[in-house]
Every structure is written in C-alpha cells, then in structure tokens.
Amino acid sequence: TNEQLWEIEALLLKSFNEGLRKDTNPVAPVKMFPTFVRDVPDGREKYAEGKYMALDLGGTNFRVLLLEINDQIHLDSEVYSVPESIMHGTGDQVY
C-alpha cells in the first residue's frame, strides 16, 4: 500500500540521516560519508580539452580513471583491490 511505501521511505531517510551524523554513524544501519560533489550535471556543461581524473572508491575496489579530451576522447583505467583492513576500518583510515 502507499502507507507502507511511505513508512519504508521514512525509515530509509532516518537511516540515511543517522549514517551521515558523526555521533550516530558508528551504530547506524546504513553507513554514509559526506560527498564533496556540489552539483549534478544538467547538460549545459562545456568540456574543455585536457586531462581529467576520476577516483571511485567502492566497497572492494578502487578505480582510477584518466580521461583525455582533445579531437578525440581517450579513457585509461586501473582497478585496485581494497585491502581487508581498509574495508573494515573507519572513514578516517580511508581518507
């Protein structure tokens, strides 16, 4: 029912907020870390020629991508395993 969906939504939002708060993160059911992304693409971006790096730290892998834009687009990427000690460590240990 709609009421059940709203209840699930409220529980998820509560869990997300607990995961973001410093004082409740250690016991939160959903672990979350603040992002430094300030906006999302809207299609009006202008891409300048040059080299761009993207870093993606997931649960088990760390991906490093290098994108080079000139008259063509070239993408290089490497994937590294995240050590077990980091996977189960704190956010401070990762960053």
PDB file of N, CA and C in Angstrom:
ATOM      1  N   THR A   1       0.841  -1.189   0.000  1.00  0.00           N
ATOM      2  CA  THR A   1       0.000   0.000   0.000  1.00  0.00           C
ATOM      3  C   THR A   1       0.882   1.247   0.000  1.00  0.00           C
ATOM      4  N   ASN A   2       0.271   2.368  -0.294  1.00  0.00           N
ATOM      5  CA  ASN A   2       1.009   3.635  -0.251  1.00  0.00           C
ATOM      6  C   ASN A   2       1.533   3.927   1.149  1.00  0.00           C
ATOM      7  N   GLU A   3       0.726   3.599   2.150  1.00  0.00           N
ATOM      8  CA  GLU A   3       1.149   3.854   3.530  1.00  0.00           C
ATOM      9  C   GLU A   3       2.412   3.066   3.869  1.00  0.00           C
ATOM     10  N   GLN A   4       2.498   1.827   3.399  1.00  0.00           N
ATOM     11  CA  GLN A   4       3.688   1.011   3.647  1.00  0.00           C
ATOM     12  C   GLN A   4       4.907   1.597   2.935  1.00  0.00           C
ATOM     13  N   LEU A   5       4.707   2.073   1.718  1.00  0.00           N
ATOM     14  CA  LEU A   5       5.812   2.698   0.987  1.00  0.00           C
ATOM     15  C   LEU A   5       6.300   3.953   1.697  1.00  0.00           C
ATOM     16  N   TRP A   6       5.373   4.750   2.222  1.00  0.00           N
ATOM     17  CA  TRP A   6       5.764   5.964   2.948  1.00  0.00           C
ATOM     18  C   TRP A   6       6.523   5.610   4.227  1.00  0.00           C
ATOM     19  N   GLU A   7       6.096   4.525   4.874  1.00  0.00           N
ATOM     20  CA  GLU A   7       6.787   4.089   6.087  1.00  0.00           C
ATOM     21  C   GLU A   7       8.210   3.635   5.762  1.00  0.00           C
ATOM     22  N   ILE A   8       8.367   2.888   4.672  1.00  0.00           N
ATOM     23  CA  ILE A   8       9.697   2.457   4.231  1.00  0.00           C
ATOM     24  C   ILE A   8      10.550   3.670   3.889  1.00  0.00           C
ATOM     25  N   GLU A   9       9.961   4.629   3.183  1.00  0.00           N
ATOM     26  CA  GLU A   9      10.690   5.852   2.834  1.00  0.00           C
ATOM     27  C   GLU A   9      11.166   6.578   4.092  1.00  0.00           C
ATOM     28  N   ALA A  10      10.293   6.699   5.078  1.00  0.00           N
ATOM     29  CA  ALA A  10      10.652   7.390   6.323  1.00  0.00           C
ATOM     30  C   ALA A  10      11.767   6.650   7.058  1.00  0.00           C
ATOM     31  N   LEU A  11      11.703   5.326   7.084  1.00  0.00           N
ATOM     32  CA  LEU A  11      12.748   4.540   7.750  1.00  0.00           C
ATOM     33  C   LEU A  11      14.088   4.672   7.026  1.00  0.00           C
ATOM     34  N   LEU A  12      14.049   4.656   5.688  1.00  0.00           N
ATOM     35  CA  LEU A  12      15.283   4.836   4.919  1.00  0.00           C
ATOM     36  C   LEU A  12      15.891   6.208   5.172  1.00  0.00           C
ATOM     37  N   LEU A  13      15.066   7.240   5.135  1.00  0.00           N
ATOM     38  CA  LEU A  13      15.552   8.597   5.371  1.00  0.00           C
ATOM     39  C   LEU A  13      16.166   8.717   6.765  1.00  0.00           C
ATOM     40  N   LYS A  14      15.518   8.135   7.756  1.00  0.00           N
ATOM     41  CA  LYS A  14      16.043   8.147   9.126  1.00  0.00           C
ATOM     42  C   LYS A  14      17.406   7.449   9.171  1.00  0.00           C
ATOM     43  N   SER A  15      17.516   6.292   8.503  1.00  0.00           N
ATOM     44  CA  SER A  15      18.779   5.553   8.471  1.00  0.00           C
ATOM     45  C   SER A  15      19.867   6.340   7.754  1.00  0.00           C
ATOM     46  N   PHE A  16      19.514   7.003   6.644  1.00  0.00           N
ATOM     47  CA  PHE A  16      20.484   7.817   5.913  1.00  0.00           C
ATOM     48  C   PHE A  16      20.999   8.949   6.794  1.00  0.00           C
ATOM     49  N   ASN A  17      20.082   9.629   7.465  1.00  0.00           N
ATOM     50  CA  ASN A  17      20.484  10.741   8.331  1.00  0.00           C
ATOM     51  C   ASN A  17      21.357  10.264   9.484  1.00  0.00           C
ATOM     52  N   GLU A  18      21.032   9.107  10.060  1.00  0.00           N
ATOM     53  CA  GLU A  18      21.872   8.553  11.125  1.00  0.00           C
ATOM     54  C   GLU A  18      23.257   8.214  10.587  1.00  0.00           C
ATOM     55  N   GLY A  19      23.309   7.713   9.359  1.00  0.00           N
ATOM     56  CA  GLY A  19      24.589   7.369   8.749  1.00  0.00           C
ATOM     57  C   GLY A  19      25.453   8.576   8.463  1.00  0.00           C
ATOM     58  N   LEU A  20      24.844   9.727   8.238  1.00  0.00           N
ATOM     59  CA  LEU A  20      25.597  10.951   7.946  1.00  0.00           C
ATOM     60  C   LEU A  20      26.044  11.692   9.204  1.00  0.00           C
ATOM     61  N   ARG A  21      25.343  11.489  10.312  1.00  0.00           N
ATOM     62  CA  ARG A  21      25.693  12.210  11.538  1.00  0.00           C
ATOM     63  C   ARG A  21      26.892  11.556  12.208  1.00  0.00           C
ATOM     64  N   LYS A  22      27.840  12.375  12.611  1.00  0.00           N
ATOM     65  CA  LYS A  22      29.070  11.876  13.220  1.00  0.00           C
ATOM     66  C   LYS A  22      28.790  11.061  14.484  1.00  0.00           C
ATOM     67  N   ASP A  23      27.837  11.527  15.295  1.00  0.00           N
ATOM     68  CA  ASP A  23      27.580  10.857  16.568  1.00  0.00           C
ATOM     69  C   ASP A  23      26.812   9.543  16.413  1.00  0.00           C
ATOM     70  N   THR A  24      26.075   9.362  15.319  1.00  0.00           N
ATOM     71  CA  THR A  24      25.302   8.128  15.145  1.00  0.00           C
ATOM     72  C   THR A  24      25.852   7.221  14.045  1.00  0.00           C
ATOM     73  N   ASN A  25      26.825   7.684  13.273  1.00  0.00           N
ATOM     74  CA  ASN A  25      27.378   6.876  12.187  1.00  0.00           C
ATOM     75  C   ASN A  25      27.884   5.513  12.657  1.00  0.00           C
ATOM     76  N   PRO A  26      28.597   5.428  13.779  1.00  0.00           N
ATOM     77  CA  PRO A  26      29.130   4.117  14.183  1.00  0.00           C
ATOM     78  C   PRO A  26      28.060   3.047  14.410  1.00  0.00           C
ATOM     79  N   VAL A  27      26.858   3.440  14.776  1.00  0.00           N
ATOM     80  CA  VAL A  27      25.804   2.458  15.052  1.00  0.00           C
ATOM     81  C   VAL A  27      24.679   2.500  14.020  1.00  0.00           C
ATOM     82  N   ALA A  28      24.819   3.329  13.015  1.00  0.00           N
ATOM     83  CA  ALA A  28      23.767   3.477  12.001  1.00  0.00           C
ATOM     84  C   ALA A  28      23.669   2.218  11.140  1.00  0.00           C
ATOM     85  N   PRO A  29      22.453   1.832  10.742  1.00  0.00           N
ATOM     86  CA  PRO A  29      22.296   0.658   9.878  1.00  0.00           C
ATOM     87  C   PRO A  29      22.820   0.893   8.458  1.00  0.00           C
ATOM     88  N   VAL A  30      22.880   2.144   8.026  1.00  0.00           N
ATOM     89  CA  VAL A  30      23.411   2.493   6.704  1.00  0.00           C
ATOM     90  C   VAL A  30      24.573   3.447   6.925  1.00  0.00           C
ATOM     91  N   LYS A  31      25.782   3.003   6.601  1.00  0.00           N
ATOM     92  CA  LYS A  31      26.965   3.854   6.762  1.00  0.00           C
ATOM     93  C   LYS A  31      27.039   4.819   5.585  1.00  0.00           C
ATOM     94  N   MET A  32      27.215   6.086   5.888  1.00  0.00           N
ATOM     95  CA  MET A  32      27.299   7.094   4.830  1.00  0.00           C
ATOM     96  C   MET A  32      28.412   8.072   5.166  1.00  0.00           C
ATOM     97  N   PHE A  33      29.006   8.631   4.132  1.00  0.00           N
ATOM     98  CA  PHE A  33      30.049   9.633   4.288  1.00  0.00           C
ATOM     99  C   PHE A  33      29.678  10.848   3.452  1.00  0.00           C
ATOM    100  N   PRO A  34      30.021  12.043   3.915  1.00  0.00           N
ATOM    101  CA  PRO A  34      29.695  13.236   3.131  1.00  0.00           C
ATOM    102  C   PRO A  34      30.418  13.216   1.783  1.00  0.00           C
ATOM    103  N   THR A  35      29.782  13.768   0.785  1.00  0.00           N
ATOM    104  CA  THR A  35      30.398  13.871  -0.533  1.00  0.00           C
ATOM    105  C   THR A  35      30.867  15.307  -0.749  1.00  0.00           C
ATOM    106  N   PHE A  36      31.834  15.453  -1.606  1.00  0.00           N
ATOM    107  CA  PHE A  36      32.332  16.785  -1.922  1.00  0.00           C
ATOM    108  C   PHE A  36      31.820  17.242  -3.284  1.00  0.00           C
ATOM    109  N   VAL A  37      30.891  16.488  -3.857  1.00  0.00           N
ATOM    110  CA  VAL A  37      30.251  16.871  -5.112  1.00  0.00           C
ATOM    111  C   VAL A  37      29.226  17.943  -4.785  1.00  0.00           C
ATOM    112  N   ARG A  38      29.318  19.080  -5.441  1.00  0.00           N
ATOM    113  CA  ARG A  38      28.451  20.213  -5.110  1.00  0.00           C
ATOM    114  C   ARG A  38      27.258  20.373  -6.023  1.00  0.00           C
ATOM    115  N   ASP A  39      27.259  19.708  -7.166  1.00  0.00           N
ATOM    116  CA  ASP A  39      26.148  19.849  -8.094  1.00  0.00           C
ATOM    117  C   ASP A  39      26.115  18.626  -8.996  1.00  0.00           C
ATOM    118  N   VAL A  40      25.052  18.463  -9.725  1.00  0.00           N
ATOM    119  CA  VAL A  40      24.925  17.361 -10.670  1.00  0.00           C
ATOM    120  C   VAL A  40      24.884  17.929 -12.085  1.00  0.00           C
ATOM    121  N   PRO A  41      25.330  17.154 -13.074  1.00  0.00           N
ATOM    122  CA  PRO A  41      25.303  17.646 -14.450  1.00  0.00           C
ATOM    123  C   PRO A  41      23.875  17.918 -14.909  1.00  0.00           C
ATOM    124  N   ASP A  42      23.707  18.962 -15.717  1.00  0.00           N
ATOM    125  CA  ASP A  42      22.375  19.280 -16.239  1.00  0.00           C
ATOM    126  C   ASP A  42      22.359  19.389 -17.764  1.00  0.00           C
ATOM    127  N   GLY A  43      23.464  19.022 -18.409  1.00  0.00           N
ATOM    128  CA  GLY A  43      23.512  19.047 -19.865  1.00  0.00           C
ATOM    129  C   GLY A  43      24.083  20.316 -20.460  1.00  0.00           C
ATOM    130  N   ARG A  44      24.332  21.323 -19.627  1.00  0.00           N
ATOM    131  CA  ARG A  44      24.875  22.591 -20.137  1.00  0.00           C
ATOM    132  C   ARG A  44      26.386  22.691 -19.935  1.00  0.00           C
ATOM    133  N   GLU A  45      27.009  21.607 -19.499  1.00  0.00           N
ATOM    134  CA  GLU A  45      28.443  21.637 -19.235  1.00  0.00           C
ATOM    135  C   GLU A  45      29.225  21.853 -20.531  1.00  0.00           C
ATOM    136  N   LYS A  46      30.325  22.542 -20.399  1.00  0.00           N
ATOM    137  CA  LYS A  46      31.230  22.733 -21.526  1.00  0.00           C
ATOM    138  C   LYS A  46      32.508  21.974 -21.191  1.00  0.00           C
ATOM    139  N   TYR A  47      32.903  21.117 -22.097  1.00  0.00           N
ATOM    140  CA  TYR A  47      34.067  20.288 -21.857  1.00  0.00           C
ATOM    141  C   TYR A  47      35.278  20.898 -22.536  1.00  0.00           C
ATOM    142  N   ALA A  48      36.236  21.269 -21.747  1.00  0.00           N
ATOM    143  CA  ALA A  48      37.468  21.829 -22.276  1.00  0.00           C
ATOM    144  C   ALA A  48      38.436  20.695 -22.573  1.00  0.00           C
ATOM    145  N   GLU A  49      39.277  20.916 -23.550  1.00  0.00           N
ATOM    146  CA  GLU A  49      40.318  19.939 -23.830  1.00  0.00           C
ATOM    147  C   GLU A  49      41.227  19.834 -22.625  1.00  0.00           C
ATOM    148  N   GLY A  50      41.721  18.639 -22.410  1.00  0.00           N
ATOM    149  CA  GLY A  50      42.635  18.434 -21.296  1.00  0.00           C
ATOM    150  C   GLY A  50      42.508  17.037 -20.730  1.00  0.00           C
ATOM    151  N   LYS A  51      43.155  16.854 -19.584  1.00  0.00           N
ATOM    152  CA  LYS A  51      43.126  15.566 -18.894  1.00  0.00           C
ATOM    153  C   LYS A  51      42.313  15.707 -17.616  1.00  0.00           C
ATOM    154  N   TYR A  52      41.482  14.702 -17.360  1.00  0.00           N
ATOM    155  CA  TYR A  52      40.626  14.693 -16.182  1.00  0.00           C
ATOM    156  C   TYR A  52      40.797  13.360 -15.471  1.00  0.00           C
ATOM    157  N   MET A  53      40.814  13.405 -14.155  1.00  0.00           N
ATOM    158  CA  MET A  53      40.954  12.186 -13.381  1.00  0.00           C
ATOM    159  C   MET A  53      39.695  11.959 -12.553  1.00  0.00           C
ATOM    160  N   ALA A  54      39.259  10.714 -12.510  1.00  0.00           N
ATOM    161  CA  ALA A  54      38.123  10.327 -11.667  1.00  0.00           C
ATOM    162  C   ALA A  54      38.584   9.218 -10.737  1.00  0.00           C
ATOM    163  N   LEU A  55      38.180   9.307  -9.482  1.00  0.00           N
ATOM    164  CA  LEU A  55      38.518   8.299  -8.482  1.00  0.00           C
ATOM    165  C   LEU A  55      37.220   7.732  -7.927  1.00  0.00           C
ATOM    166  N   ASP A  56      37.115   6.416  -7.875  1.00  0.00           N
ATOM    167  CA  ASP A  56      35.894   5.757  -7.394  1.00  0.00           C
ATOM    168  C   ASP A  56      36.284   4.715  -6.358  1.00  0.00           C
ATOM    169  N   LEU A  57      35.976   5.013  -5.106  1.00  0.00           N
ATOM    170  CA  LEU A  57      36.266   4.077  -4.029  1.00  0.00           C
ATOM    171  C   LEU A  57      34.985   3.348  -3.670  1.00  0.00           C
ATOM    172  N   GLY A  58      34.906   2.086  -4.054  1.00  0.00           N
ATOM    173  CA  GLY A  58      33.744   1.266  -3.734  1.00  0.00           C
ATOM    174  C   GLY A  58      34.042   0.381  -2.536  1.00  0.00           C
ATOM    175  N   GLY A  59      33.216  -0.617  -2.336  1.00  0.00           N
ATOM    176  CA  GLY A  59      33.391  -1.499  -1.191  1.00  0.00           C
ATOM    177  C   GLY A  59      34.584  -2.417  -1.303  1.00  0.00           C
ATOM    178  N   THR A  60      34.903  -2.873  -2.508  1.00  0.00           N
ATOM    179  CA  THR A  60      36.008  -3.818  -2.673  1.00  0.00           C
ATOM    180  C   THR A  60      37.069  -3.344  -3.660  1.00  0.00           C
ATOM    181  N   ASN A  61      36.772  -2.324  -4.439  1.00  0.00           N
ATOM    182  CA  ASN A  61      37.719  -1.859  -5.455  1.00  0.00           C
ATOM    183  C   ASN A  61      37.896  -0.348  -5.420  1.00  0.00           C
ATOM    184  N   PHE A  62      39.076   0.073  -5.840  1.00  0.00           N
ATOM    185  CA  PHE A  62      39.388   1.488  -6.015  1.00  0.00           C
ATOM    186  C   PHE A  62      39.708   1.668  -7.489  1.00  0.00           C
ATOM    187  N   ARG A  63      38.900   2.448  -8.184  1.00  0.00           N
ATOM    188  CA  ARG A  63      39.086   2.655  -9.618  1.00  0.00           C
ATOM    189  C   ARG A  63      39.681   4.032  -9.870  1.00  0.00           C
ATOM    190  N   VAL A  64      40.671   4.060 -10.726  1.00  0.00           N
ATOM    191  CA  VAL A  64      41.304   5.310 -11.129  1.00  0.00           C
ATOM    192  C   VAL A  64      41.124   5.425 -12.636  1.00  0.00           C
ATOM    193  N   LEU A  65      40.516   6.522 -13.069  1.00  0.00           N
ATOM    194  CA  LEU A  65      40.281   6.735 -14.495  1.00  0.00           C
ATOM    195  C   LEU A  65      40.952   8.026 -14.932  1.00  0.00           C
ATOM    196  N   LEU A  66      41.577   7.991 -16.082  1.00  0.00           N
ATOM    197  CA  LEU A  66      42.164   9.183 -16.681  1.00  0.00           C
ATOM    198  C   LEU A  66      41.492   9.383 -18.033  1.00  0.00           C
ATOM    199  N   LEU A  67      40.810  10.502 -18.173  1.00  0.00           N
ATOM    200  CA  LEU A  67      40.089  10.840 -19.394  1.00  0.00           C
ATOM    201  C   LEU A  67      40.836  11.970 -20.083  1.00  0.00           C
ATOM    202  N   GLU A  68      41.173  11.760 -21.338  1.00  0.00           N
ATOM    203  CA  GLU A  68      41.860  12.797 -22.108  1.00  0.00           C
ATOM    204  C   GLU A  68      40.947  13.232 -23.254  1.00  0.00           C
ATOM    205  N   ILE A  69      40.650  14.532 -23.276  1.00  0.00           N
ATOM    206  CA  ILE A  69      39.767  15.081 -24.305  1.00  0.00           C
ATOM    207  C   ILE A  69      40.574  16.027 -25.185  1.00  0.00           C
ATOM    208  N   ASN A  70      40.622  15.726 -26.460  1.00  0.00           N
ATOM    209  CA  ASN A  70      41.165  16.635 -27.472  1.00  0.00           C
ATOM    210  C   ASN A  70      40.295  16.427 -28.703  1.00  0.00           C
ATOM    211  N   ASP A  71      40.849  16.219 -29.879  1.00  0.00           N
ATOM    212  CA  ASP A  71      39.961  15.984 -31.016  1.00  0.00           C
ATOM    213  C   ASP A  71      39.275  14.625 -30.888  1.00  0.00           C
ATOM    214  N   GLN A  72      39.782  13.777 -29.984  1.00  0.00           N
ATOM    215  CA  GLN A  72      39.147  12.501 -29.674  1.00  0.00           C
ATOM    216  C   GLN A  72      39.075  12.359 -28.158  1.00  0.00           C
ATOM    217  N   ILE A  73      38.368  11.351 -27.721  1.00  0.00           N
ATOM    218  CA  ILE A  73      38.288  11.069 -26.286  1.00  0.00           C
ATOM    219  C   ILE A  73      38.987   9.749 -26.026  1.00  0.00           C
ATOM    220  N   HIS A  74      39.902   9.760 -25.055  1.00  0.00           N
ATOM    221  CA  HIS A  74      40.641   8.552 -24.701  1.00  0.00           C
ATOM    222  C   HIS A  74      40.492   8.319 -23.201  1.00  0.00           C
ATOM    223  N   LEU A  75      40.191   7.081 -22.828  1.00  0.00           N
ATOM    224  CA  LEU A  75      39.991   6.742 -21.425  1.00  0.00           C
ATOM    225  C   LEU A  75      40.920   5.602 -21.033  1.00  0.00           C
ATOM    226  N   ASP A  76      41.706   5.810 -19.986  1.00  0.00           N
ATOM    227  CA  ASP A  76      42.521   4.764 -19.375  1.00  0.00           C
ATOM    228  C   ASP A  76      41.981   4.521 -17.981  1.00  0.00           C
ATOM    229  N   SER A  77      41.983   3.273 -17.559  1.00  0.00           N
ATOM    230  CA  SER A  77      41.516   3.000 -16.205  1.00  0.00           C
ATOM    231  C   SER A  77      42.306   1.853 -15.594  1.00  0.00           C
ATOM    232  N   GLU A  78      42.402   1.895 -14.283  1.00  0.00           N
ATOM    233  CA  GLU A  78      43.033   0.838 -13.498  1.00  0.00           C
ATOM    234  C   GLU A  78      42.116   0.543 -12.324  1.00  0.00           C
ATOM    235  N   VAL A  79      42.070  -0.714 -11.929  1.00  0.00           N
ATOM    236  CA  VAL A  79      41.270  -1.122 -10.776  1.00  0.00           C
ATOM    237  C   VAL A  79      42.203  -1.785  -9.771  1.00  0.00           C
ATOM    238  N   TYR A  80      42.106  -1.334  -8.523  1.00  0.00           N
ATOM    239  CA  TYR A  80      42.928  -1.870  -7.446  1.00  0.00           C
ATOM    240  C   TYR A  80      42.021  -2.456  -6.372  1.00  0.00           C
ATOM    241  N   SER A  81      42.422  -3.585  -5.812  1.00  0.00           N
ATOM    242  CA  SER A  81      41.659  -4.177  -4.713  1.00  0.00           C
ATOM    243  C   SER A  81      41.862  -3.357  -3.452  1.00  0.00           C
ATOM    244  N   VAL A  82      40.797  -3.200  -2.694  1.00  0.00           N
ATOM    245  CA  VAL A  82      40.878  -2.502  -1.412  1.00  0.00           C
ATOM    246  C   VAL A  82      41.261  -3.543  -0.359  1.00  0.00           C
ATOM    247  N   PRO A  83      42.334  -3.302   0.410  1.00  0.00           N
ATOM    248  CA  PRO A  83      42.741  -4.269   1.434  1.00  0.00           C
ATOM    249  C   PRO A  83      41.645  -4.480   2.480  1.00  0.00           C
ATOM    250  N   GLU A  84      41.595  -5.683   3.000  1.00  0.00           N
ATOM    251  CA  GLU A  84      40.594  -6.043   4.009  1.00  0.00           C
ATOM    252  C   GLU A  84      40.621  -5.089   5.201  1.00  0.00           C
ATOM    253  N   SER A  85      41.806  -4.666   5.611  1.00  0.00           N
ATOM    254  CA  SER A  85      41.917  -3.772   6.773  1.00  0.00           C
ATOM    255  C   SER A  85      41.248  -2.426   6.509  1.00  0.00           C
ATOM    256  N   ILE A  86      41.280  -1.963   5.268  1.00  0.00           N
ATOM    257  CA  ILE A  86      40.629  -0.702   4.910  1.00  0.00           C
ATOM    258  C   ILE A  86      39.116  -0.903   4.803  1.00  0.00           C
ATOM    259  N   MET A  87      38.697  -2.042   4.240  1.00  0.00           N
ATOM    260  CA  MET A  87      37.261  -2.308   4.084  1.00  0.00           C
ATOM    261  C   MET A  87      36.528  -2.270   5.416  1.00  0.00           C
ATOM    262  N   HIS A  88      37.196  -2.722   6.460  1.00  0.00           N
ATOM    263  CA  HIS A  88      36.553  -2.803   7.772  1.00  0.00           C
ATOM    264  C   HIS A  88      37.035  -1.715   8.716  1.00  0.00           C
ATOM    265  N   GLY A  89      37.782  -0.746   8.192  1.00  0.00           N
ATOM    266  CA  GLY A  89      38.282   0.351   9.014  1.00  0.00           C
ATOM    267  C   GLY A  89      37.297   1.506   9.068  1.00  0.00           C
ATOM    268  N   THR A  90      37.744   2.586   9.654  1.00  0.00           N
ATOM    269  CA  THR A  90      36.917   3.786   9.766  1.00  0.00           C
ATOM    270  C   THR A  90      37.110   4.673   8.545  1.00  0.00           C
ATOM    271  N   GLY A  91      36.229   5.635   8.371  1.00  0.00           N
ATOM    272  CA  GLY A  91      36.367   6.601   7.283  1.00  0.00           C
ATOM    273  C   GLY A  91      37.652   7.393   7.406  1.00  0.00           C
ATOM    274  N   ASP A  92      38.060   7.701   8.634  1.00  0.00           N
ATOM    275  CA  ASP A  92      39.314   8.432   8.836  1.00  0.00           C
ATOM    276  C   ASP A  92      40.507   7.633   8.326  1.00  0.00           C
ATOM    277  N   GLN A  93      40.473   6.316   8.468  1.00  0.00           N
ATOM    278  CA  GLN A  93      41.571   5.487   7.982  1.00  0.00           C
ATOM    279  C   GLN A  93      41.630   5.484   6.460  1.00  0.00           C
ATOM    280  N   VAL A  94      40.475   5.554   5.830  1.00  0.00           N
ATOM    281  CA  VAL A  94      40.429   5.538   4.365  1.00  0.00           C
ATOM    282  C   VAL A  94      40.945   6.847   3.796  1.00  0.00           C
ATOM    283  N   TYR A  95      40.477   7.965   4.380  1.00  0.00           N
ATOM    284  CA  TYR A  95      40.815   9.263   3.824  1.00  0.00           C
ATOM    285  C   TYR A  95      41.994   9.877   4.521  1.00  0.00           C
TER     286      TYR A  95
END
